[in-house]
Amino acid sequence: MNQFSLIGFLILAVVIATFSIQNSGEAIVTFIWWQFQGSLVVVILISTALGAIMAIFLSLPGTFRLRMRLREQTQRIAELEQQLQERETTHTSDMSGTR
């Protein structure tokens, strides 16, 4: 899965870089009272970076939930394996005692 994500990310990065280079004119960005005038390449790259950062922050709660769930399930598996081992030990000692 990680290799596919990396390949997808690289393809997306090449597309964004190509788009940015082909649209290299001047741009004026206005937001509320803030105004920025600069290259459209810079505006595109900053917007893309901010979008990626926001996507990462939005995915963090789900990632933390999955990690907690994985930790709980790993602990539960260890408990069940211990119970199984205890039962097998009890079962084998019962079997050897009846002979």
PDB file of N, CA and C in Angstrom:
ATOM      1  N   MET A   1       0.821  -1.200   0.000  1.00  0.00           N
ATOM      2  CA  MET A   1       0.000   0.000   0.000  1.00  0.00           C
ATOM      3  C   MET A   1       0.857   1.252   0.000  1.00  0.00           C
ATOM      4  N   ASN A   2       1.962   1.246   0.737  1.00  0.00           N
ATOM      5  CA  ASN A   2       2.817   2.421   0.812  1.00  0.00           C
ATOM      6  C   ASN A   2       3.467   2.744  -0.524  1.00  0.00           C
ATOM      7  N   GLN A   3       3.819   1.719  -1.307  1.00  0.00           N
ATOM      8  CA  GLN A   3       4.431   1.962  -2.607  1.00  0.00           C
ATOM      9  C   GLN A   3       3.438   2.617  -3.555  1.00  0.00           C
ATOM     10  N   PHE A   4       2.181   2.188  -3.512  1.00  0.00           N
ATOM     11  CA  PHE A   4       1.169   2.805  -4.360  1.00  0.00           C
ATOM     12  C   PHE A   4       0.926   4.257  -3.945  1.00  0.00           C
ATOM     13  N   SER A   5       0.947   4.510  -2.660  1.00  0.00           N
ATOM     14  CA  SER A   5       0.777   5.877  -2.176  1.00  0.00           C
ATOM     15  C   SER A   5       1.933   6.753  -2.624  1.00  0.00           C
ATOM     16  N   LEU A   6       3.142   6.222  -2.543  1.00  0.00           N
ATOM     17  CA  LEU A   6       4.319   6.981  -2.965  1.00  0.00           C
ATOM     18  C   LEU A   6       4.280   7.270  -4.458  1.00  0.00           C
ATOM     19  N   ILE A   7       3.903   6.291  -5.252  1.00  0.00           N
ATOM     20  CA  ILE A   7       3.806   6.489  -6.698  1.00  0.00           C
ATOM     21  C   ILE A   7       2.731   7.521  -7.016  1.00  0.00           C
ATOM     22  N   GLY A   8       1.585   7.417  -6.356  1.00  0.00           N
ATOM     23  CA  GLY A   8       0.514   8.393  -6.555  1.00  0.00           C
ATOM     24  C   GLY A   8       0.944   9.792  -6.160  1.00  0.00           C
ATOM     25  N   PHE A   9       1.654   9.904  -5.038  1.00  0.00           N
ATOM     26  CA  PHE A   9       2.151  11.198  -4.589  1.00  0.00           C
ATOM     27  C   PHE A   9       3.133  11.784  -5.597  1.00  0.00           C
ATOM     28  N   LEU A  10       4.041  10.957  -6.116  1.00  0.00           N
ATOM     29  CA  LEU A  10       5.018  11.450  -7.089  1.00  0.00           C
ATOM     30  C   LEU A  10       4.343  11.905  -8.385  1.00  0.00           C
ATOM     31  N   ILE A  11       3.353  11.163  -8.834  1.00  0.00           N
ATOM     32  CA  ILE A  11       2.623  11.552 -10.050  1.00  0.00           C
ATOM     33  C   ILE A  11       1.909  12.878  -9.811  1.00  0.00           C
ATOM     34  N   LEU A  12       1.258  13.005  -8.660  1.00  0.00           N
ATOM     35  CA  LEU A  12       0.570  14.250  -8.321  1.00  0.00           C
ATOM     36  C   LEU A  12       1.554  15.415  -8.234  1.00  0.00           C
ATOM     37  N   ALA A  13       2.721  15.188  -7.656  1.00  0.00           N
ATOM     38  CA  ALA A  13       3.731  16.241  -7.542  1.00  0.00           C
ATOM     39  C   ALA A  13       4.211  16.687  -8.923  1.00  0.00           C
ATOM     40  N   VAL A  14       4.400  15.751  -9.835  1.00  0.00           N
ATOM     41  CA  VAL A  14       4.828  16.099 -11.194  1.00  0.00           C
ATOM     42  C   VAL A  14       3.742  16.897 -11.907  1.00  0.00           C
ATOM     43  N   VAL A  15       2.484  16.494 -11.744  1.00  0.00           N
ATOM     44  CA  VAL A  15       1.372  17.217 -12.370  1.00  0.00           C
ATOM     45  C   VAL A  15       1.286  18.641 -11.828  1.00  0.00           C
ATOM     46  N   ILE A  16       1.408  18.791 -10.526  1.00  0.00           N
ATOM     47  CA  ILE A  16       1.329  20.122  -9.908  1.00  0.00           C
ATOM     48  C   ILE A  16       2.509  20.986 -10.348  1.00  0.00           C
ATOM     49  N   ALA A  17       3.696  20.394 -10.369  1.00  0.00           N
ATOM     50  CA  ALA A  17       4.874  21.158 -10.799  1.00  0.00           C
ATOM     51  C   ALA A  17       4.739  21.589 -12.258  1.00  0.00           C
ATOM     52  N   THR A  18       4.278  20.702 -13.118  1.00  0.00           N
ATOM     53  CA  THR A  18       4.087  21.037 -14.533  1.00  0.00           C
ATOM     54  C   THR A  18       3.055  22.143 -14.681  1.00  0.00           C
ATOM     55  N   PHE A  19       1.943  22.026 -13.972  1.00  0.00           N
ATOM     56  CA  PHE A  19       0.898  23.049 -14.023  1.00  0.00           C
ATOM     57  C   PHE A  19       1.442  24.390 -13.547  1.00  0.00           C
ATOM     58  N   SER A  20       2.213  24.364 -12.472  1.00  0.00           N
ATOM     59  CA  SER A  20       2.758  25.603 -11.917  1.00  0.00           C
ATOM     60  C   SER A  20       3.718  26.278 -12.884  1.00  0.00           C
ATOM     61  N   ILE A  21       4.578  25.502 -13.504  1.00  0.00           N
ATOM     62  CA  ILE A  21       5.563  26.072 -14.424  1.00  0.00           C
ATOM     63  C   ILE A  21       4.890  26.637 -15.664  1.00  0.00           C
ATOM     64  N   GLN A  22       3.859  25.974 -16.158  1.00  0.00           N
ATOM     65  CA  GLN A  22       3.167  26.451 -17.355  1.00  0.00           C
ATOM     66  C   GLN A  22       2.334  27.694 -17.075  1.00  0.00           C
ATOM     67  N   ASN A  23       1.980  27.936 -15.828  1.00  0.00           N
ATOM     68  CA  ASN A  23       1.190  29.105 -15.448  1.00  0.00           C
ATOM     69  C   ASN A  23       2.028  29.996 -14.531  1.00  0.00           C
ATOM     70  N   SER A  24       3.048  30.602 -15.105  1.00  0.00           N
ATOM     71  CA  SER A  24       4.020  31.324 -14.289  1.00  0.00           C
ATOM     72  C   SER A  24       3.826  32.835 -14.308  1.00  0.00           C
ATOM     73  N   GLY A  25       2.649  33.290 -14.608  1.00  0.00           N
ATOM     74  CA  GLY A  25       2.397  34.730 -14.640  1.00  0.00           C
ATOM     75  C   GLY A  25       2.307  35.320 -13.244  1.00  0.00           C
ATOM     76  N   GLU A  26       2.008  36.617 -13.198  1.00  0.00           N
ATOM     77  CA  GLU A  26       1.839  37.311 -11.924  1.00  0.00           C
ATOM     78  C   GLU A  26       0.422  37.096 -11.405  1.00  0.00           C
ATOM     79  N   ALA A  27       0.300  37.089 -10.091  1.00  0.00           N
ATOM     80  CA  ALA A  27      -1.011  36.909  -9.472  1.00  0.00           C
ATOM     81  C   ALA A  27      -1.128  37.813  -8.260  1.00  0.00           C
ATOM     82  N   ILE A  28      -2.333  38.304  -8.044  1.00  0.00           N
ATOM     83  CA  ILE A  28      -2.626  39.083  -6.850  1.00  0.00           C
ATOM     84  C   ILE A  28      -3.646  38.292  -6.040  1.00  0.00           C
ATOM     85  N   VAL A  29      -3.275  37.942  -4.819  1.00  0.00           N
ATOM     86  CA  VAL A  29      -4.151  37.186  -3.938  1.00  0.00           C
ATOM     87  C   VAL A  29      -4.596  38.118  -2.822  1.00  0.00           C
ATOM     88  N   THR A  30      -5.914  38.223  -2.638  1.00  0.00           N
ATOM     89  CA  THR A  30      -6.473  39.065  -1.590  1.00  0.00           C
ATOM     90  C   THR A  30      -7.324  38.215  -0.673  1.00  0.00           C
ATOM     91  N   PHE A  31      -7.073  38.352   0.619  1.00  0.00           N
ATOM     92  CA  PHE A  31      -7.859  37.637   1.614  1.00  0.00           C
ATOM     93  C   PHE A  31      -8.100  38.597   2.770  1.00  0.00           C
ATOM     94  N   ILE A  32      -9.361  38.960   2.955  1.00  0.00           N
ATOM     95  CA  ILE A  32      -9.823  39.921   3.952  1.00  0.00           C
ATOM     96  C   ILE A  32      -9.004  41.207   3.800  1.00  0.00           C
ATOM     97  N   TRP A  33      -8.085  41.520   4.707  1.00  0.00           N
ATOM     98  CA  TRP A  33      -7.292  42.749   4.604  1.00  0.00           C
ATOM     99  C   TRP A  33      -5.875  42.481   4.113  1.00  0.00           C
ATOM    100  N   TRP A  34      -5.538  41.222   3.902  1.00  0.00           N
ATOM    101  CA  TRP A  34      -4.203  40.835   3.491  1.00  0.00           C
ATOM    102  C   TRP A  34      -4.142  40.728   1.974  1.00  0.00           C
ATOM    103  N   GLN A  35      -3.076  41.251   1.378  1.00  0.00           N
ATOM    104  CA  GLN A  35      -2.930  41.185  -0.077  1.00  0.00           C
ATOM    105  C   GLN A  35      -1.502  40.775  -0.407  1.00  0.00           C
ATOM    106  N   PHE A  36      -1.381  39.872  -1.362  1.00  0.00           N
ATOM    107  CA  PHE A  36      -0.080  39.359  -1.768  1.00  0.00           C
ATOM    108  C   PHE A  36       0.006  39.389  -3.285  1.00  0.00           C
ATOM    109  N   GLN A  37       1.104  39.932  -3.794  1.00  0.00           N
ATOM    110  CA  GLN A  37       1.325  39.940  -5.233  1.00  0.00           C
ATOM    111  C   GLN A  37       2.621  39.192  -5.498  1.00  0.00           C
ATOM    112  N   GLY A  38       2.533  38.203  -6.343  1.00  0.00           N
ATOM    113  CA  GLY A  38       3.717  37.403  -6.643  1.00  0.00           C
ATOM    114  C   GLY A  38       3.461  36.477  -7.810  1.00  0.00           C
ATOM    115  N   SER A  39       4.394  35.605  -8.006  1.00  0.00           N
ATOM    116  CA  SER A  39       4.314  34.652  -9.109  1.00  0.00           C
ATOM    117  C   SER A  39       3.182  33.656  -8.862  1.00  0.00           C
ATOM    118  N   LEU A  40       2.483  33.294  -9.909  1.00  0.00           N
ATOM    119  CA  LEU A  40       1.406  32.310  -9.808  1.00  0.00           C
ATOM    120  C   LEU A  40       1.954  30.951  -9.387  1.00  0.00           C
ATOM    121  N   VAL A  41       3.204  30.666  -9.752  1.00  0.00           N
ATOM    122  CA  VAL A  41       3.840  29.408  -9.340  1.00  0.00           C
ATOM    123  C   VAL A  41       3.872  29.323  -7.816  1.00  0.00           C
ATOM    124  N   VAL A  42       4.281  30.412  -7.174  1.00  0.00           N
ATOM    125  CA  VAL A  42       4.357  30.439  -5.718  1.00  0.00           C
ATOM    126  C   VAL A  42       2.974  30.261  -5.103  1.00  0.00           C
ATOM    127  N   VAL A  43       1.982  30.932  -5.661  1.00  0.00           N
ATOM    128  CA  VAL A  43       0.614  30.834  -5.145  1.00  0.00           C
ATOM    129  C   VAL A  43       0.107  29.399  -5.260  1.00  0.00           C
ATOM    130  N   ILE A  44       0.348  28.757  -6.391  1.00  0.00           N
ATOM    131  CA  ILE A  44      -0.107  27.377  -6.600  1.00  0.00           C
ATOM    132  C   ILE A  44       0.595  26.428  -5.634  1.00  0.00           C
ATOM    133  N   LEU A  45       1.902  26.574  -5.491  1.00  0.00           N
ATOM    134  CA  LEU A  45       2.650  25.668  -4.617  1.00  0.00           C
ATOM    135  C   LEU A  45       2.282  25.870  -3.146  1.00  0.00           C
ATOM    136  N   ILE A  46       2.097  27.118  -2.732  1.00  0.00           N
ATOM    137  CA  ILE A  46       1.685  27.379  -1.348  1.00  0.00           C
ATOM    138  C   ILE A  46       0.283  26.817  -1.098  1.00  0.00           C
ATOM    139  N   SER A  47      -0.618  27.008  -2.038  1.00  0.00           N
ATOM    140  CA  SER A  47      -1.979  26.474  -1.888  1.00  0.00           C
ATOM    141  C   SER A  47      -1.974  24.955  -1.803  1.00  0.00           C
ATOM    142  N   THR A  48      -1.163  24.324  -2.637  1.00  0.00           N
ATOM    143  CA  THR A  48      -1.059  22.867  -2.615  1.00  0.00           C
ATOM    144  C   THR A  48      -0.487  22.382  -1.286  1.00  0.00           C
ATOM    145  N   ALA A  49       0.557  23.053  -0.807  1.00  0.00           N
ATOM    146  CA  ALA A  49       1.164  22.657   0.464  1.00  0.00           C
ATOM    147  C   ALA A  49       0.175  22.825   1.624  1.00  0.00           C
ATOM    148  N   LEU A  50      -0.552  23.932   1.643  1.00  0.00           N
ATOM    149  CA  LEU A  50      -1.541  24.145   2.697  1.00  0.00           C
ATOM    150  C   LEU A  50      -2.657  23.103   2.632  1.00  0.00           C
ATOM    151  N   GLY A  51      -3.076  22.740   1.433  1.00  0.00           N
ATOM    152  CA  GLY A  51      -4.090  21.701   1.279  1.00  0.00           C
ATOM    153  C   GLY A  51      -3.600  20.360   1.799  1.00  0.00           C
ATOM    154  N   ALA A  52      -2.347  20.033   1.512  1.00  0.00           N
ATOM    155  CA  ALA A  52      -1.781  18.769   2.000  1.00  0.00           C
ATOM    156  C   ALA A  52      -1.681  18.768   3.521  1.00  0.00           C
ATOM    157  N   ILE A  53      -1.262  19.888   4.094  1.00  0.00           N
ATOM    158  CA  ILE A  53      -1.164  19.989   5.549  1.00  0.00           C
ATOM    159  C   ILE A  53      -2.539  19.846   6.198  1.00  0.00           C
ATOM    160  N   MET A  54      -3.538  20.474   5.622  1.00  0.00           N
ATOM    161  CA  MET A  54      -4.900  20.365   6.167  1.00  0.00           C
ATOM    162  C   MET A  54      -5.405  18.932   6.063  1.00  0.00           C
ATOM    163  N   ALA A  55      -5.112  18.255   4.955  1.00  0.00           N
ATOM    164  CA  ALA A  55      -5.538  16.859   4.800  1.00  0.00           C
ATOM    165  C   ALA A  55      -4.882  15.967   5.849  1.00  0.00           C
ATOM    166  N   ILE A  56      -3.613  16.227   6.133  1.00  0.00           N
ATOM    167  CA  ILE A  56      -2.915  15.441   7.150  1.00  0.00           C
ATOM    168  C   ILE A  56      -3.555  15.664   8.513  1.00  0.00           C
ATOM    169  N   PHE A  57      -3.811  16.920   8.863  1.00  0.00           N
ATOM    170  CA  PHE A  57      -4.424  17.212  10.160  1.00  0.00           C
ATOM    171  C   PHE A  57      -5.822  16.615  10.280  1.00  0.00           C
ATOM    172  N   LEU A  58      -6.577  16.604   9.196  1.00  0.00           N
ATOM    173  CA  LEU A  58      -7.916  16.028   9.244  1.00  0.00           C
ATOM    174  C   LEU A  58      -7.886  14.510   9.373  1.00  0.00           C
ATOM    175  N   SER A  59      -6.822  13.866   8.907  1.00  0.00           N
ATOM    176  CA  SER A  59      -6.741  12.411   9.000  1.00  0.00           C
ATOM    177  C   SER A  59      -6.156  11.934  10.326  1.00  0.00           C
ATOM    178  N   LEU A  60      -5.573  12.824  11.121  1.00  0.00           N
ATOM    179  CA  LEU A  60      -4.950  12.423  12.385  1.00  0.00           C
ATOM    180  C   LEU A  60      -5.909  11.762  13.375  1.00  0.00           C
ATOM    181  N   PRO A  61      -7.111  12.297  13.620  1.00  0.00           N
ATOM    182  CA  PRO A  61      -7.994  11.621  14.594  1.00  0.00           C
ATOM    183  C   PRO A  61      -8.311  10.178  14.200  1.00  0.00           C
ATOM    184  N   GLY A  62      -8.564   9.934  12.941  1.00  0.00           N
ATOM    185  CA  GLY A  62      -8.839   8.570  12.493  1.00  0.00           C
ATOM    186  C   GLY A  62      -7.639   7.662  12.664  1.00  0.00           C
ATOM    187  N   THR A  63      -6.459   8.197  12.388  1.00  0.00           N
ATOM    188  CA  THR A  63      -5.233   7.424  12.555  1.00  0.00           C
ATOM    189  C   THR A  63      -5.018   7.062  14.018  1.00  0.00           C
ATOM    190  N   PHE A  64      -5.234   8.021  14.913  1.00  0.00           N
ATOM    191  CA  PHE A  64      -5.081   7.748  16.341  1.00  0.00           C
ATOM    192  C   PHE A  64      -6.096   6.711  16.815  1.00  0.00           C
ATOM    193  N   ARG A  65      -7.344   6.818  16.323  1.00  0.00           N
ATOM    194  CA  ARG A  65      -8.365   5.833  16.695  1.00  0.00           C
ATOM    195  C   ARG A  65      -7.954   4.438  16.244  1.00  0.00           C
ATOM    196  N   LEU A  66      -7.448   4.328  15.026  1.00  0.00           N
ATOM    197  CA  LEU A  66      -7.037   3.016  14.518  1.00  0.00           C
ATOM    198  C   LEU A  66      -5.864   2.460  15.316  1.00  0.00           C
ATOM    199  N   ARG A  67      -4.923   3.306  15.694  1.00  0.00           N
ATOM    200  CA  ARG A  67      -3.789   2.832  16.488  1.00  0.00           C
ATOM    201  C   ARG A  67      -4.234   2.361  17.861  1.00  0.00           C
ATOM    202  N   MET A  68      -5.162   3.078  18.485  1.00  0.00           N
ATOM    203  CA  MET A  68      -5.674   2.650  19.789  1.00  0.00           C
ATOM    204  C   MET A  68      -6.400   1.320  19.664  1.00  0.00           C
ATOM    205  N   ARG A  69      -7.197   1.185  18.612  1.00  0.00           N
ATOM    206  CA  ARG A  69      -7.939  -0.061  18.391  1.00  0.00           C
ATOM    207  C   ARG A  69      -6.981  -1.224  18.149  1.00  0.00           C
ATOM    208  N   LEU A  70      -5.929  -0.971  17.383  1.00  0.00           N
ATOM    209  CA  LEU A  70      -4.932  -2.003  17.124  1.00  0.00           C
ATOM    210  C   LEU A  70      -4.224  -2.415  18.405  1.00  0.00           C
ATOM    211  N   ARG A  71      -3.900  -1.452  19.259  1.00  0.00           N
ATOM    212  CA  ARG A  71      -3.256  -1.746  20.537  1.00  0.00           C
ATOM    213  C   ARG A  71      -4.171  -2.595  21.415  1.00  0.00           C
ATOM    214  N   GLU A  72      -5.456  -2.232  21.461  1.00  0.00           N
ATOM    215  CA  GLU A  72      -6.417  -2.996  22.266  1.00  0.00           C
ATOM    216  C   GLU A  72      -6.564  -4.417  21.738  1.00  0.00           C
ATOM    217  N   GLN A  73      -6.637  -4.557  20.427  1.00  0.00           N
ATOM    218  CA  GLN A  73      -6.798  -5.893  19.850  1.00  0.00           C
ATOM    219  C   GLN A  73      -5.547  -6.743  20.041  1.00  0.00           C
ATOM    220  N   THR A  74      -4.384  -6.122  19.966  1.00  0.00           N
ATOM    221  CA  THR A  74      -3.147  -6.854  20.206  1.00  0.00           C
ATOM    222  C   THR A  74      -3.097  -7.354  21.639  1.00  0.00           C
ATOM    223  N   GLN A  75      -3.522  -6.509  22.570  1.00  0.00           N
ATOM    224  CA  GLN A  75      -3.562  -6.905  23.973  1.00  0.00           C
ATOM    225  C   GLN A  75      -4.567  -8.034  24.182  1.00  0.00           C
ATOM    226  N   ARG A  76      -5.716  -7.949  23.540  1.00  0.00           N
ATOM    227  CA  ARG A  76      -6.741  -8.990  23.664  1.00  0.00           C
ATOM    228  C   ARG A  76      -6.237 -10.312  23.086  1.00  0.00           C
ATOM    229  N   ILE A  77      -5.532 -10.255  21.970  1.00  0.00           N
ATOM    230  CA  ILE A  77      -4.972 -11.475  21.370  1.00  0.00           C
ATOM    231  C   ILE A  77      -3.971 -12.114  22.321  1.00  0.00           C
ATOM    232  N   ALA A  78      -3.130 -11.294  22.950  1.00  0.00           N
ATOM    233  CA  ALA A  78      -2.151 -11.827  23.906  1.00  0.00           C
ATOM    234  C   ALA A  78      -2.856 -12.502  25.070  1.00  0.00           C
ATOM    235  N   GLU A  79      -3.935 -11.891  25.573  1.00  0.00           N
ATOM    236  CA  GLU A  79      -4.693 -12.491  26.675  1.00  0.00           C
ATOM    237  C   GLU A  79      -5.303 -13.820  26.255  1.00  0.00           C
ATOM    238  N   LEU A  80      -5.893 -13.867  25.069  1.00  0.00           N
ATOM    239  CA  LEU A  80      -6.517 -15.106  24.595  1.00  0.00           C
ATOM    240  C   LEU A  80      -5.473 -16.194  24.353  1.00  0.00           C
ATOM    241  N   GLU A  81      -4.305 -15.821  23.836  1.00  0.00           N
ATOM    242  CA  GLU A  81      -3.245 -16.810  23.636  1.00  0.00           C
ATOM    243  C   GLU A  81      -2.772 -17.361  24.974  1.00  0.00           C
ATOM    244  N   GLN A  82      -2.693 -16.516  25.992  1.00  0.00           N
ATOM    245  CA  GLN A  82      -2.293 -16.968  27.316  1.00  0.00           C
ATOM    246  C   GLN A  82      -3.341 -17.925  27.884  1.00  0.00           C
ATOM    247  N   GLN A  83      -4.622 -17.595  27.727  1.00  0.00           N
ATOM    248  CA  GLN A  83      -5.693 -18.477  28.202  1.00  0.00           C
ATOM    249  C   GLN A  83      -5.646 -19.816  27.485  1.00  0.00           C
ATOM    250  N   LEU A  84      -5.405 -19.778  26.181  1.00  0.00           N
ATOM    251  CA  LEU A  84      -5.330 -21.003  25.396  1.00  0.00           C
ATOM    252  C   LEU A  84      -4.158 -21.862  25.854  1.00  0.00           C
ATOM    253  N   GLN A  85      -3.037 -21.217  26.097  1.00  0.00           N
ATOM    254  CA  GLN A  85      -1.865 -21.956  26.560  1.00  0.00           C
ATOM    255  C   GLN A  85      -2.119 -22.582  27.927  1.00  0.00           C
ATOM    256  N   GLU A  86      -2.803 -21.860  28.829  1.00  0.00           N
ATOM    257  CA  GLU A  86      -3.139 -22.401  30.144  1.00  0.00           C
ATOM    258  C   GLU A  86      -4.075 -23.597  30.022  1.00  0.00           C
ATOM    259  N   ARG A  87      -5.048 -23.507  29.138  1.00  0.00           N
ATOM    260  CA  ARG A  87      -5.988 -24.623  28.943  1.00  0.00           C
ATOM    261  C   ARG A  87      -5.287 -25.835  28.343  1.00  0.00           C
ATOM    262  N   GLU A  88      -4.380 -25.589  27.403  1.00  0.00           N
ATOM    263  CA  GLU A  88      -3.650 -26.708  26.806  1.00  0.00           C
ATOM    264  C   GLU A  88      -2.757 -27.365  27.848  1.00  0.00           C
ATOM    265  N   THR A  89      -2.141 -26.569  28.707  1.00  0.00           N
ATOM    266  CA  THR A  89      -1.305 -27.121  29.775  1.00  0.00           C
ATOM    267  C   THR A  89      -2.146 -27.938  30.737  1.00  0.00           C
ATOM    268  N   THR A  90      -3.314 -27.411  31.110  1.00  0.00           N
ATOM    269  CA  THR A  90      -4.224 -28.118  32.010  1.00  0.00           C
ATOM    270  C   THR A  90      -4.718 -29.398  31.352  1.00  0.00           C
ATOM    271  N   HIS A  91      -5.041 -29.316  30.077  1.00  0.00           N
ATOM    272  CA  HIS A  91      -5.563 -30.472  29.345  1.00  0.00           C
ATOM    273  C   HIS A  91      -4.500 -31.563  29.223  1.00  0.00           C
ATOM    274  N   THR A  92      -3.268 -31.203  28.935  1.00  0.00           N
ATOM    275  CA  THR A  92      -2.208 -32.212  28.802  1.00  0.00           C
ATOM    276  C   THR A  92      -1.860 -32.825  30.148  1.00  0.00           C
ATOM    277  N   SER A  93      -1.937 -32.039  31.240  1.00  0.00           N
ATOM    278  CA  SER A  93      -1.642 -32.611  32.558  1.00  0.00           C
ATOM    279  C   SER A  93      -2.781 -33.554  32.981  1.00  0.00           C
ATOM    280  N   ASP A  94      -4.016 -33.228  32.601  1.00  0.00           N
ATOM    281  CA  ASP A  94      -5.152 -34.122  32.897  1.00  0.00           C
ATOM    282  C   ASP A  94      -5.020 -35.428  32.112  1.00  0.00           C
ATOM    283  N   MET A  95      -4.578 -35.332  30.893  1.00  0.00           N
ATOM    284  CA  MET A  95      -4.429 -36.507  30.049  1.00  0.00           C
ATOM    285  C   MET A  95      -3.319 -37.408  30.564  1.00  0.00           C
ATOM    286  N   SER A  96      -2.230 -36.842  31.034  1.00  0.00           N
ATOM    287  CA  SER A  96      -1.122 -37.652  31.525  1.00  0.00           C
ATOM    288  C   SER A  96      -1.449 -38.273  32.887  1.00  0.00           C
ATOM    289  N   GLY A  97      -2.323 -37.656  33.660  1.00  0.00           N
ATOM    290  CA  GLY A  97      -2.707 -38.171  34.965  1.00  0.00           C
ATOM    291  C   GLY A  97      -3.663 -39.346  34.888  1.00  0.00           C
ATOM    292  N   THR A  98      -4.371 -39.532  33.800  1.00  0.00           N
ATOM    293  CA  THR A  98      -5.364 -40.602  33.679  1.00  0.00           C
ATOM    294  C   THR A  98      -4.742 -41.901  33.185  1.00  0.00           C
ATOM    295  N   ARG A  99      -3.518 -41.899  32.776  1.00  0.00           N
ATOM    296  CA  ARG A  99      -2.886 -43.132  32.275  1.00  0.00           C
ATOM    297  C   ARG A  99      -2.380 -43.978  33.346  1.00  0.00           C
TER     298      ARG A  99
END
